Amino acid sequence: MSESKNPKVTRRGFMHGAGALAAAAFVGSSRKPSVGQVRGANDRIGVGFIGCGGRSGAHFRAVRWLKTQGNEAVEIVAACDVYRPRLAQRVEDFGGKAYMDHRELLADPNVDVVCIATPDHVHGYQAIDAIKAGKDVYCEKPVTHWRQFELTKRLAEEVRKSGRVFQLGSQGMRDSAWHQMRKLIEDGLIGKPIHAECGYFRVGDWGERGMPIDDPNARPGADLNWDAFLGDAPKKPFDVSRFFRWRMYEDYAGGPSTDLFPHSLTPVIHMLGVTMPSTVVATGGKFRYDEREIPDTFNILIDYPEAITVAVLGTQGNDYTGTGFRGAPGRIPIVRGWEGTLTIQGNDIVFTPAQESKKQPQRVPIDHGEDFVEYWRDFLTCCRSRTTKTASPMDLAYHVQTALQMAMLVWKEGKVARFDPAREQIVL
């Protein structure tokens, strides 16, 4: 395979010359696999990044590490952002061709897969565009905004019928604990599951009000596309806080429910093997941090048709978890069944028999914990083999997001939310 050297693109040159946008792109093999074809270990995968904000940095670094130290045939070939200074910095740091319109990036033939790390309300649209362009997708959580259930459903259908590889950024799903616990549940260790608890507890709103305002004097224009940022959100005049600290606002984010709880709920839904809820209720509010629209404290009760209740609890005003903290999912889950309970202590899965059970206590060593870089490697492996069962696939993301969307609608409308499986609709 041949590979061209990407000339170094300085931030100053990028900002002052339109021609610098054409930083040399990766040139792949002349026998590059066609769309949907199995790739060999030496067939290079070109990655395009949609979104160059704070979260994207971890993704850029992971892909670069896999290329330079992880023995992966992968290349950063393109980046896109609606704010030119951030885009310029990523291109200077990591290389690749620069775009301010994600549709132009998707038209780049050197891009095989995309990583979407943009505000919640544009995830779904960008993912659908990528799927239709024949790209595999790694999408940061949440898969869509809390008011976009129909878009979530549409994306799930697009992924199913396309055969493209999709992985949601629920990083904790690389932890073997959840897969081992699922097997123990399937084998009947706890009897019939009846109740589970999970959640996320921390102190601070550094992920919302603490988001950096890169330039207090930034304004829409050639370097900042406000209309593209808004997407289908309500059209409002430009506001520097809304642009840079978008997680504070309901139009673009959902607070703990859709920002933190995907990490908590995803492994629990995976372990239990349930899909769509039957009923959801939720409470919460701004109990500590006033300078925001979204809640800082949120609690959800989810009933499933399988006669299982899941409680998802959390606040940003206190960091005591009760059960301990394990990686991205936050509070260690508790899964209760008729015959006993599963949780985690240290590096062991712990089974505690119910009072009337004849089973004995057990401790099962956990094979391995979370590893973000390996999570990326798993995704690339699926892209090569065309295996759509990623660590956090689209169907799982759809089921998790529906429950969280129902919870936010309950909180906003003050009603109980029910799911109608016949019509595949949320009913308030």
Foldseek 3Di string as FASTA:
>chain_A
DDWDDFPQQALVNVVPDVVSLPGDFTDFDPCADDQLDFADQQGAAEEEEEDQFDVCVVVLVLQVCCVPPVSGRYAHAEYEDQFQSSQSVCCNVRNHHYDPDLLVVLVDPRHAAYEYDAFQACQLVSLLSNLVSRHAYEYEFQNHALVPLVSLVVSLVSCVVSLHAYHYPLQQLVFQPLVVLLVCVVVQVQNAWAEKEAEAEAADPCLAQVQDLPDQPDDDDPRHPVCVNQPPFDDDHDDSSCVRRVCQENSGHAECLGNQQVNQVLSVCVSNVAFAFFWKEKDFADPDDDPGDHGQWMWMWTHHPSNYIYIYGYGNHGQDQPQDAAPRNGRWMWIHHPFWIWTDDDQWIWTDTDPPHPDDIDTHGGPDGGDNSVLVVQSVNCNNRSPRPRSHHSRSSSRSSNNSSQHSCCHVVVDMWGADVVVRDIDD
